[in-house]
Amino acid sequence: PVALTRCSARAYGPGDLRFKVYPK
């Protein structure tokens, strides 16, 4: 098991944009 600090929010959107950005 790994502990993560997660910050999140929910919204509604008409578009289909999906992305991930993370450090190299």
mmCIF file of all heavy atoms, coordinates in Angstrom:
data_MODEL
# 
_entry.id   MODEL 
# 
loop_
_atom_site.group_PDB 
_atom_site.id 
_atom_site.type_symbol 
_atom_site.label_atom_id 
_atom_site.label_alt_id 
_atom_site.label_comp_id 
_atom_site.label_asym_id 
_atom_site.label_entity_id 
_atom_site.label_seq_id 
_atom_site.pdbx_PDB_ins_code 
_atom_site.Cartn_x 
_atom_site.Cartn_y 
_atom_site.Cartn_z 
_atom_site.occupancy 
_atom_site.B_iso_or_equiv 
_atom_site.pdbx_formal_charge 
_atom_site.auth_seq_id 
_atom_site.auth_comp_id 
_atom_site.auth_asym_id 
_atom_site.auth_atom_id 
_atom_site.pdbx_PDB_model_num 
ATOM 1   N N   . PRO A 1 1  ? 0.833   -1.206 0.000   1.00 0.00 ? 1  PRO A N   1 
ATOM 2   C CA  . PRO A 1 1  ? 0.000   0.000  0.000   1.00 0.00 ? 1  PRO A CA  1 
ATOM 3   C C   . PRO A 1 1  ? 0.866   1.254  0.000   1.00 0.00 ? 1  PRO A C   1 
ATOM 4   O O   . PRO A 1 1  ? 1.943   1.287  0.596   1.00 0.00 ? 1  PRO A O   1 
ATOM 5   C CB  . PRO A 1 1  ? -0.807  -0.114 1.291   1.00 0.00 ? 1  PRO A CB  1 
ATOM 6   C CG  . PRO A 1 1  ? -0.019  -1.029 2.163   1.00 0.00 ? 1  PRO A CG  1 
ATOM 7   C CD  . PRO A 1 1  ? 0.800   -1.904 1.274   1.00 0.00 ? 1  PRO A CD  1 
ATOM 8   N N   . VAL A 1 2  ? 0.403   2.291  -0.699  1.00 0.00 ? 2  VAL A N   1 
ATOM 9   C CA  . VAL A 1 2  ? 1.138   3.547  -0.805  1.00 0.00 ? 2  VAL A CA  1 
ATOM 10  C C   . VAL A 1 2  ? 0.193   4.682  -0.415  1.00 0.00 ? 2  VAL A C   1 
ATOM 11  O O   . VAL A 1 2  ? -0.959  4.707  -0.848  1.00 0.00 ? 2  VAL A O   1 
ATOM 12  C CB  . VAL A 1 2  ? 1.655   3.762  -2.248  1.00 0.00 ? 2  VAL A CB  1 
ATOM 13  C CG1 . VAL A 1 2  ? 2.331   5.106  -2.406  1.00 0.00 ? 2  VAL A CG1 1 
ATOM 14  C CG2 . VAL A 1 2  ? 2.583   2.645  -2.656  1.00 0.00 ? 2  VAL A CG2 1 
ATOM 15  N N   . ALA A 1 3  ? 0.680   5.617  0.393   1.00 0.00 ? 3  ALA A N   1 
ATOM 16  C CA  . ALA A 1 3  ? -0.123  6.784  0.787   1.00 0.00 ? 3  ALA A CA  1 
ATOM 17  C C   . ALA A 1 3  ? 0.110   7.909  -0.209  1.00 0.00 ? 3  ALA A C   1 
ATOM 18  O O   . ALA A 1 3  ? 1.252   8.210  -0.577  1.00 0.00 ? 3  ALA A O   1 
ATOM 19  C CB  . ALA A 1 3  ? 0.249   7.244  2.187   1.00 0.00 ? 3  ALA A CB  1 
ATOM 20  N N   . LEU A 1 4  ? -0.969  8.533  -0.670  1.00 0.00 ? 4  LEU A N   1 
ATOM 21  C CA  . LEU A 1 4  ? -0.900  9.675  -1.565  1.00 0.00 ? 4  LEU A CA  1 
ATOM 22  C C   . LEU A 1 4  ? -1.704  10.820 -0.985  1.00 0.00 ? 4  LEU A C   1 
ATOM 23  O O   . LEU A 1 4  ? -2.761  10.597 -0.387  1.00 0.00 ? 4  LEU A O   1 
ATOM 24  C CB  . LEU A 1 4  ? -1.510  9.344  -2.932  1.00 0.00 ? 4  LEU A CB  1 
ATOM 25  C CG  . LEU A 1 4  ? -0.873  8.261  -3.777  1.00 0.00 ? 4  LEU A CG  1 
ATOM 26  C CD1 . LEU A 1 4  ? -1.723  7.999  -5.013  1.00 0.00 ? 4  LEU A CD1 1 
ATOM 27  C CD2 . LEU A 1 4  ? 0.521   8.653  -4.185  1.00 0.00 ? 4  LEU A CD2 1 
ATOM 28  N N   . THR A 1 5  ? -1.217  12.030 -1.161  1.00 0.00 ? 5  THR A N   1 
ATOM 29  C CA  . THR A 1 5  ? -2.024  13.197 -0.846  1.00 0.00 ? 5  THR A CA  1 
ATOM 30  C C   . THR A 1 5  ? -2.724  13.570 -2.143  1.00 0.00 ? 5  THR A C   1 
ATOM 31  O O   . THR A 1 5  ? -2.078  13.795 -3.154  1.00 0.00 ? 5  THR A O   1 
ATOM 32  C CB  . THR A 1 5  ? -1.151  14.363 -0.348  1.00 0.00 ? 5  THR A CB  1 
ATOM 33  O OG1 . THR A 1 5  ? -0.470  13.937 0.829   1.00 0.00 ? 5  THR A OG1 1 
ATOM 34  C CG2 . THR A 1 5  ? -1.998  15.578 -0.025  1.00 0.00 ? 5  THR A CG2 1 
ATOM 35  N N   . ARG A 1 6  ? -4.048  13.603 -2.097  1.00 0.00 ? 6  ARG A N   1 
ATOM 36  C CA  . ARG A 1 6  ? -4.830  13.836 -3.303  1.00 0.00 ? 6  ARG A CA  1 
ATOM 37  C C   . ARG A 1 6  ? -5.760  15.027 -3.103  1.00 0.00 ? 6  ARG A C   1 
ATOM 38  O O   . ARG A 1 6  ? -6.452  15.122 -2.105  1.00 0.00 ? 6  ARG A O   1 
ATOM 39  C CB  . ARG A 1 6  ? -5.638  12.592 -3.633  1.00 0.00 ? 6  ARG A CB  1 
ATOM 40  C CG  . ARG A 1 6  ? -6.460  12.708 -4.900  1.00 0.00 ? 6  ARG A CG  1 
ATOM 41  C CD  . ARG A 1 6  ? -7.123  11.409 -5.248  1.00 0.00 ? 6  ARG A CD  1 
ATOM 42  N NE  . ARG A 1 6  ? -6.126  10.449 -5.703  1.00 0.00 ? 6  ARG A NE  1 
ATOM 43  C CZ  . ARG A 1 6  ? -6.321  9.142  -5.767  1.00 0.00 ? 6  ARG A CZ  1 
ATOM 44  N NH1 . ARG A 1 6  ? -7.470  8.632  -5.399  1.00 0.00 ? 6  ARG A NH1 1 
ATOM 45  N NH2 . ARG A 1 6  ? -5.373  8.345  -6.203  1.00 0.00 ? 6  ARG A NH2 1 
ATOM 46  N N   . CYS A 1 7  ? -5.750  15.921 -4.063  1.00 0.00 ? 7  CYS A N   1 
ATOM 47  C CA  . CYS A 1 7  ? -6.641  17.073 -4.060  1.00 0.00 ? 7  CYS A CA  1 
ATOM 48  C C   . CYS A 1 7  ? -7.497  16.947 -5.310  1.00 0.00 ? 7  CYS A C   1 
ATOM 49  O O   . CYS A 1 7  ? -6.961  16.764 -6.404  1.00 0.00 ? 7  CYS A O   1 
ATOM 50  C CB  . CYS A 1 7  ? -5.819  18.356 -4.090  1.00 0.00 ? 7  CYS A CB  1 
ATOM 51  S SG  . CYS A 1 7  ? -6.782  19.838 -3.849  1.00 0.00 ? 7  CYS A SG  1 
ATOM 52  N N   . SER A 1 8  ? -8.817  17.009 -5.148  1.00 0.00 ? 8  SER A N   1 
ATOM 53  C CA  . SER A 1 8  ? -9.672  16.783 -6.299  1.00 0.00 ? 8  SER A CA  1 
ATOM 54  C C   . SER A 1 8  ? -10.917 17.655 -6.253  1.00 0.00 ? 8  SER A C   1 
ATOM 55  O O   . SER A 1 8  ? -11.297 18.164 -5.203  1.00 0.00 ? 8  SER A O   1 
ATOM 56  C CB  . SER A 1 8  ? -10.082 15.309 -6.380  1.00 0.00 ? 8  SER A CB  1 
ATOM 57  O OG  . SER A 1 8  ? -10.808 14.932 -5.224  1.00 0.00 ? 8  SER A OG  1 
ATOM 58  N N   . ALA A 1 9  ? -11.530 17.813 -7.410  1.00 0.00 ? 9  ALA A N   1 
ATOM 59  C CA  . ALA A 1 9  ? -12.784 18.555 -7.542  1.00 0.00 ? 9  ALA A CA  1 
ATOM 60  C C   . ALA A 1 9  ? -13.565 17.956 -8.693  1.00 0.00 ? 9  ALA A C   1 
ATOM 61  O O   . ALA A 1 9  ? -12.987 17.451 -9.656  1.00 0.00 ? 9  ALA A O   1 
ATOM 62  C CB  . ALA A 1 9  ? -12.520 20.028 -7.805  1.00 0.00 ? 9  ALA A CB  1 
ATOM 63  N N   . ARG A 1 10 ? -14.873 18.020 -8.582  1.00 0.00 ? 10 ARG A N   1 
ATOM 64  C CA  . ARG A 1 10 ? -15.748 17.531 -9.629  1.00 0.00 ? 10 ARG A CA  1 
ATOM 65  C C   . ARG A 1 10 ? -16.394 18.701 -10.355 1.00 0.00 ? 10 ARG A C   1 
ATOM 66  O O   . ARG A 1 10 ? -16.672 19.726 -9.743  1.00 0.00 ? 10 ARG A O   1 
ATOM 67  C CB  . ARG A 1 10 ? -16.843 16.629 -9.059  1.00 0.00 ? 10 ARG A CB  1 
ATOM 68  C CG  . ARG A 1 10 ? -16.376 15.213 -8.902  1.00 0.00 ? 10 ARG A CG  1 
ATOM 69  C CD  . ARG A 1 10 ? -16.301 14.828 -7.441  1.00 0.00 ? 10 ARG A CD  1 
ATOM 70  N NE  . ARG A 1 10 ? -15.653 13.534 -7.273  1.00 0.00 ? 10 ARG A NE  1 
ATOM 71  C CZ  . ARG A 1 10 ? -14.430 13.396 -6.791  1.00 0.00 ? 10 ARG A CZ  1 
ATOM 72  N NH1 . ARG A 1 10 ? -13.723 14.437 -6.466  1.00 0.00 ? 10 ARG A NH1 1 
ATOM 73  N NH2 . ARG A 1 10 ? -13.892 12.208 -6.643  1.00 0.00 ? 10 ARG A NH2 1 
ATOM 74  N N   . ALA A 1 11 ? -16.633 18.512 -11.643 1.00 0.00 ? 11 ALA A N   1 
ATOM 75  C CA  . ALA A 1 11 ? -17.261 19.550 -12.460 1.00 0.00 ? 11 ALA A CA  1 
ATOM 76  C C   . ALA A 1 11 ? -18.044 18.858 -13.560 1.00 0.00 ? 11 ALA A C   1 
ATOM 77  O O   . ALA A 1 11 ? -17.945 17.645 -13.744 1.00 0.00 ? 11 ALA A O   1 
ATOM 78  C CB  . ALA A 1 11 ? -16.201 20.468 -13.056 1.00 0.00 ? 11 ALA A CB  1 
ATOM 79  N N   . TYR A 1 12 ? -18.836 19.625 -14.297 1.00 0.00 ? 12 TYR A N   1 
ATOM 80  C CA  . TYR A 1 12 ? -19.514 19.118 -15.484 1.00 0.00 ? 12 TYR A CA  1 
ATOM 81  C C   . TYR A 1 12 ? -18.884 19.771 -16.694 1.00 0.00 ? 12 TYR A C   1 
ATOM 82  O O   . TYR A 1 12 ? -18.540 20.947 -16.665 1.00 0.00 ? 12 TYR A O   1 
ATOM 83  C CB  . TYR A 1 12 ? -21.008 19.439 -15.459 1.00 0.00 ? 12 TYR A CB  1 
ATOM 84  C CG  . TYR A 1 12 ? -21.805 18.531 -14.572 1.00 0.00 ? 12 TYR A CG  1 
ATOM 85  C CD1 . TYR A 1 12 ? -22.438 19.010 -13.443 1.00 0.00 ? 12 TYR A CD1 1 
ATOM 86  C CD2 . TYR A 1 12 ? -21.922 17.176 -14.873 1.00 0.00 ? 12 TYR A CD2 1 
ATOM 87  C CE1 . TYR A 1 12 ? -23.174 18.168 -12.625 1.00 0.00 ? 12 TYR A CE1 1 
ATOM 88  C CE2 . TYR A 1 12 ? -22.652 16.327 -14.060 1.00 0.00 ? 12 TYR A CE2 1 
ATOM 89  C CZ  . TYR A 1 12 ? -23.276 16.831 -12.944 1.00 0.00 ? 12 TYR A CZ  1 
ATOM 90  O OH  . TYR A 1 12 ? -23.997 15.992 -12.142 1.00 0.00 ? 12 TYR A OH  1 
ATOM 91  N N   . GLY A 1 13 ? -18.734 18.986 -17.760 1.00 0.00 ? 13 GLY A N   1 
ATOM 92  C CA  . GLY A 1 13 ? -18.135 19.548 -18.951 1.00 0.00 ? 13 GLY A CA  1 
ATOM 93  C C   . GLY A 1 13 ? -18.707 18.971 -20.217 1.00 0.00 ? 13 GLY A C   1 
ATOM 94  O O   . GLY A 1 13 ? -18.916 17.767 -20.313 1.00 0.00 ? 13 GLY A O   1 
ATOM 95  N N   . PRO A 1 14 ? -18.939 19.827 -21.194 1.00 0.00 ? 14 PRO A N   1 
ATOM 96  C CA  . PRO A 1 14 ? -19.454 19.351 -22.469 1.00 0.00 ? 14 PRO A CA  1 
ATOM 97  C C   . PRO A 1 14 ? -18.374 18.757 -23.370 1.00 0.00 ? 14 PRO A C   1 
ATOM 98  O O   . PRO A 1 14 ? -18.653 17.997 -24.277 1.00 0.00 ? 14 PRO A O   1 
ATOM 99  C CB  . PRO A 1 14 ? -20.038 20.614 -23.101 1.00 0.00 ? 14 PRO A CB  1 
ATOM 100 C CG  . PRO A 1 14 ? -19.223 21.722 -22.509 1.00 0.00 ? 14 PRO A CG  1 
ATOM 101 C CD  . PRO A 1 14 ? -18.854 21.274 -21.127 1.00 0.00 ? 14 PRO A CD  1 
ATOM 102 N N   . GLY A 1 15 ? -17.120 19.110 -23.122 1.00 0.00 ? 15 GLY A N   1 
ATOM 103 C CA  . GLY A 1 15 ? -16.035 18.667 -23.995 1.00 0.00 ? 15 GLY A CA  1 
ATOM 104 C C   . GLY A 1 15 ? -15.523 17.299 -23.616 1.00 0.00 ? 15 GLY A C   1 
ATOM 105 O O   . GLY A 1 15 ? -15.884 16.729 -22.602 1.00 0.00 ? 15 GLY A O   1 
ATOM 106 N N   . ASP A 1 16 ? -14.642 16.770 -24.452 1.00 0.00 ? 16 ASP A N   1 
ATOM 107 C CA  . ASP A 1 16 ? -14.083 15.443 -24.184 1.00 0.00 ? 16 ASP A CA  1 
ATOM 108 C C   . ASP A 1 16 ? -12.577 15.500 -23.940 1.00 0.00 ? 16 ASP A C   1 
ATOM 109 O O   . ASP A 1 16 ? -11.872 14.525 -24.145 1.00 0.00 ? 16 ASP A O   1 
ATOM 110 C CB  . ASP A 1 16 ? -14.410 14.491 -25.332 1.00 0.00 ? 16 ASP A CB  1 
ATOM 111 C CG  . ASP A 1 16 ? -13.750 14.890 -26.643 1.00 0.00 ? 16 ASP A CG  1 
ATOM 112 O OD1 . ASP A 1 16 ? -13.291 16.042 -26.738 1.00 0.00 ? 16 ASP A OD1 1 
ATOM 113 O OD2 . ASP A 1 16 ? -13.689 14.062 -27.561 1.00 0.00 ? 16 ASP A OD2 1 
ATOM 114 N N   . LEU A 1 17 ? -12.071 16.651 -23.487 1.00 0.00 ? 17 LEU A N   1 
ATOM 115 C CA  . LEU A 1 17 ? -10.641 16.770 -23.189 1.00 0.00 ? 17 LEU A CA  1 
ATOM 116 C C   . LEU A 1 17 ? -10.272 15.851 -22.030 1.00 0.00 ? 17 LEU A C   1 
ATOM 117 O O   . LEU A 1 17 ? -10.962 15.803 -21.018 1.00 0.00 ? 17 LEU A O   1 
ATOM 118 C CB  . LEU A 1 17 ? -10.298 18.224 -22.836 1.00 0.00 ? 17 LEU A CB  1 
ATOM 119 C CG  . LEU A 1 17 ? -8.851  18.483 -22.384 1.00 0.00 ? 17 LEU A CG  1 
ATOM 120 C CD1 . LEU A 1 17 ? -7.873  18.237 -23.526 1.00 0.00 ? 17 LEU A CD1 1 
ATOM 121 C CD2 . LEU A 1 17 ? -8.700  19.899 -21.878 1.00 0.00 ? 17 LEU A CD2 1 
ATOM 122 N N   . ARG A 1 18 ? -9.190  15.114 -22.201 1.00 0.00 ? 18 ARG A N   1 
ATOM 123 C CA  . ARG A 1 18 ? -8.608  14.301 -21.136 1.00 0.00 ? 18 ARG A CA  1 
ATOM 124 C C   . ARG A 1 18 ? -7.106  14.522 -21.183 1.00 0.00 ? 18 ARG A C   1 
ATOM 125 O O   . ARG A 1 18 ? -6.514  14.573 -22.258 1.00 0.00 ? 18 ARG A O   1 
ATOM 126 C CB  . ARG A 1 18 ? -8.905  12.817 -21.353 1.00 0.00 ? 18 ARG A CB  1 
ATOM 127 C CG  . ARG A 1 18 ? -10.353 12.445 -21.227 1.00 0.00 ? 18 ARG A CG  1 
ATOM 128 C CD  . ARG A 1 18 ? -10.576 10.940 -21.398 1.00 0.00 ? 18 ARG A CD  1 
ATOM 129 N NE  . ARG A 1 18 ? -9.892  10.349 -22.542 1.00 0.00 ? 18 ARG A NE  1 
ATOM 130 C CZ  . ARG A 1 18 ? -10.343 10.339 -23.784 1.00 0.00 ? 18 ARG A CZ  1 
ATOM 131 N NH1 . ARG A 1 18 ? -11.485 10.917 -24.077 1.00 0.00 ? 18 ARG A NH1 1 
ATOM 132 N NH2 . ARG A 1 18 ? -9.649  9.775  -24.754 1.00 0.00 ? 18 ARG A NH2 1 
ATOM 133 N N   . PHE A 1 19 ? -6.481  14.651 -20.019 1.00 0.00 ? 19 PHE A N   1 
ATOM 134 C CA  . PHE A 1 19 ? -5.030  14.807 -20.014 1.00 0.00 ? 19 PHE A CA  1 
ATOM 135 C C   . PHE A 1 19 ? -4.431  14.310 -18.707 1.00 0.00 ? 19 PHE A C   1 
ATOM 136 O O   . PHE A 1 19 ? -5.125  14.172 -17.702 1.00 0.00 ? 19 PHE A O   1 
ATOM 137 C CB  . PHE A 1 19 ? -4.608  16.254 -20.276 1.00 0.00 ? 19 PHE A CB  1 
ATOM 138 C CG  . PHE A 1 19 ? -5.028  17.247 -19.223 1.00 0.00 ? 19 PHE A CG  1 
ATOM 139 C CD1 . PHE A 1 19 ? -4.355  17.358 -18.015 1.00 0.00 ? 19 PHE A CD1 1 
ATOM 140 C CD2 . PHE A 1 19 ? -6.093  18.100 -19.455 1.00 0.00 ? 19 PHE A CD2 1 
ATOM 141 C CE1 . PHE A 1 19 ? -4.740  18.281 -17.069 1.00 0.00 ? 19 PHE A CE1 1 
ATOM 142 C CE2 . PHE A 1 19 ? -6.482  19.024 -18.518 1.00 0.00 ? 19 PHE A CE2 1 
ATOM 143 C CZ  . PHE A 1 19 ? -5.799  19.113 -17.314 1.00 0.00 ? 19 PHE A CZ  1 
ATOM 144 N N   . LYS A 1 20 ? -3.122  14.042 -18.772 1.00 0.00 ? 20 LYS A N   1 
ATOM 145 C CA  . LYS A 1 20 ? -2.308  13.726 -17.606 1.00 0.00 ? 20 LYS A CA  1 
ATOM 146 C C   . LYS A 1 20 ? -1.015  14.493 -17.769 1.00 0.00 ? 20 LYS A C   1 
ATOM 147 O O   . LYS A 1 20 ? -0.428  14.517 -18.855 1.00 0.00 ? 20 LYS A O   1 
ATOM 148 C CB  . LYS A 1 20 ? -1.990  12.237 -17.522 1.00 0.00 ? 20 LYS A CB  1 
ATOM 149 C CG  . LYS A 1 20 ? -3.181  11.365 -17.228 1.00 0.00 ? 20 LYS A CG  1 
ATOM 150 C CD  . LYS A 1 20 ? -2.763  9.913  -17.125 1.00 0.00 ? 20 LYS A CD  1 
ATOM 151 C CE  . LYS A 1 20 ? -3.979  9.047  -16.874 1.00 0.00 ? 20 LYS A CE  1 
ATOM 152 N NZ  . LYS A 1 20 ? -3.637  7.638  -16.769 1.00 0.00 ? 20 LYS A NZ  1 
ATOM 153 N N   . VAL A 1 21 ? -0.564  15.113 -16.698 1.00 0.00 ? 21 VAL A N   1 
ATOM 154 C CA  . VAL A 1 21 ? 0.715   15.827 -16.691 1.00 0.00 ? 21 VAL A CA  1 
ATOM 155 C C   . VAL A 1 21 ? 1.451   15.382 -15.439 1.00 0.00 ? 21 VAL A C   1 
ATOM 156 O O   . VAL A 1 21 ? 0.892   15.437 -14.342 1.00 0.00 ? 21 VAL A O   1 
ATOM 157 C CB  . VAL A 1 21 ? 0.512   17.363 -16.661 1.00 0.00 ? 21 VAL A CB  1 
ATOM 158 C CG1 . VAL A 1 21 ? 1.855   18.073 -16.672 1.00 0.00 ? 21 VAL A CG1 1 
ATOM 159 C CG2 . VAL A 1 21 ? -0.338  17.819 -17.830 1.00 0.00 ? 21 VAL A CG2 1 
ATOM 160 N N   . TYR A 1 22 ? 2.685   14.921 -15.613 1.00 0.00 ? 22 TYR A N   1 
ATOM 161 C CA  . TYR A 1 22 ? 3.443   14.446 -14.457 1.00 0.00 ? 22 TYR A CA  1 
ATOM 162 C C   . TYR A 1 22 ? 4.934   14.698 -14.681 1.00 0.00 ? 22 TYR A C   1 
ATOM 163 O O   . TYR A 1 22 ? 5.376   14.894 -15.818 1.00 0.00 ? 22 TYR A O   1 
ATOM 164 C CB  . TYR A 1 22 ? 3.157   12.965 -14.178 1.00 0.00 ? 22 TYR A CB  1 
ATOM 165 C CG  . TYR A 1 22 ? 3.309   12.047 -15.372 1.00 0.00 ? 22 TYR A CG  1 
ATOM 166 C CD1 . TYR A 1 22 ? 4.504   11.404 -15.646 1.00 0.00 ? 22 TYR A CD1 1 
ATOM 167 C CD2 . TYR A 1 22 ? 2.231   11.829 -16.231 1.00 0.00 ? 22 TYR A CD2 1 
ATOM 168 C CE1 . TYR A 1 22 ? 4.630   10.571 -16.725 1.00 0.00 ? 22 TYR A CE1 1 
ATOM 169 C CE2 . TYR A 1 22 ? 2.356   10.994 -17.320 1.00 0.00 ? 22 TYR A CE2 1 
ATOM 170 C CZ  . TYR A 1 22 ? 3.555   10.356 -17.563 1.00 0.00 ? 22 TYR A CZ  1 
ATOM 171 O OH  . TYR A 1 22 ? 3.681   9.535  -18.648 1.00 0.00 ? 22 TYR A OH  1 
ATOM 172 N N   . PRO A 1 23 ? 5.733   14.699 -13.597 1.00 0.00 ? 23 PRO A N   1 
ATOM 173 C CA  . PRO A 1 23 ? 7.162   14.993 -13.739 1.00 0.00 ? 23 PRO A CA  1 
ATOM 174 C C   . PRO A 1 23 ? 7.901   13.871 -14.459 1.00 0.00 ? 23 PRO A C   1 
ATOM 175 O O   . PRO A 1 23 ? 7.524   12.706 -14.362 1.00 0.00 ? 23 PRO A O   1 
ATOM 176 C CB  . PRO A 1 23 ? 7.663   15.127 -12.301 1.00 0.00 ? 23 PRO A CB  1 
ATOM 177 C CG  . PRO A 1 23 ? 6.555   14.773 -11.419 1.00 0.00 ? 23 PRO A CG  1 
ATOM 178 C CD  . PRO A 1 23 ? 5.333   14.534 -12.224 1.00 0.00 ? 23 PRO A CD  1 
ATOM 179 N N   . LYS A 1 24 ? 8.945   14.247 -15.168 1.00 0.00 ? 24 LYS A N   1 
ATOM 180 C CA  . LYS A 1 24 ? 9.788   13.249 -15.821 1.00 0.00 ? 24 LYS A CA  1 
ATOM 181 C C   . LYS A 1 24 ? 10.543  12.469 -14.758 1.00 0.00 ? 24 LYS A C   1 
ATOM 182 O O   . LYS A 1 24 ? 11.020  13.027 -13.786 1.00 0.00 ? 24 LYS A O   1 
ATOM 183 C CB  . LYS A 1 24 ? 10.788  13.922 -16.766 1.00 0.00 ? 24 LYS A CB  1 
ATOM 184 C CG  . LYS A 1 24 ? 10.170  14.357 -18.047 1.00 0.00 ? 24 LYS A CG  1 
ATOM 185 C CD  . LYS A 1 24 ? 11.192  14.759 -19.069 1.00 0.00 ? 24 LYS A CD  1 
ATOM 186 C CE  . LYS A 1 24 ? 10.488  15.083 -20.374 1.00 0.00 ? 24 LYS A CE  1 
ATOM 187 N NZ  . LYS A 1 24 ? 11.402  15.574 -21.381 1.00 0.00 ? 24 LYS A NZ  1 
# 
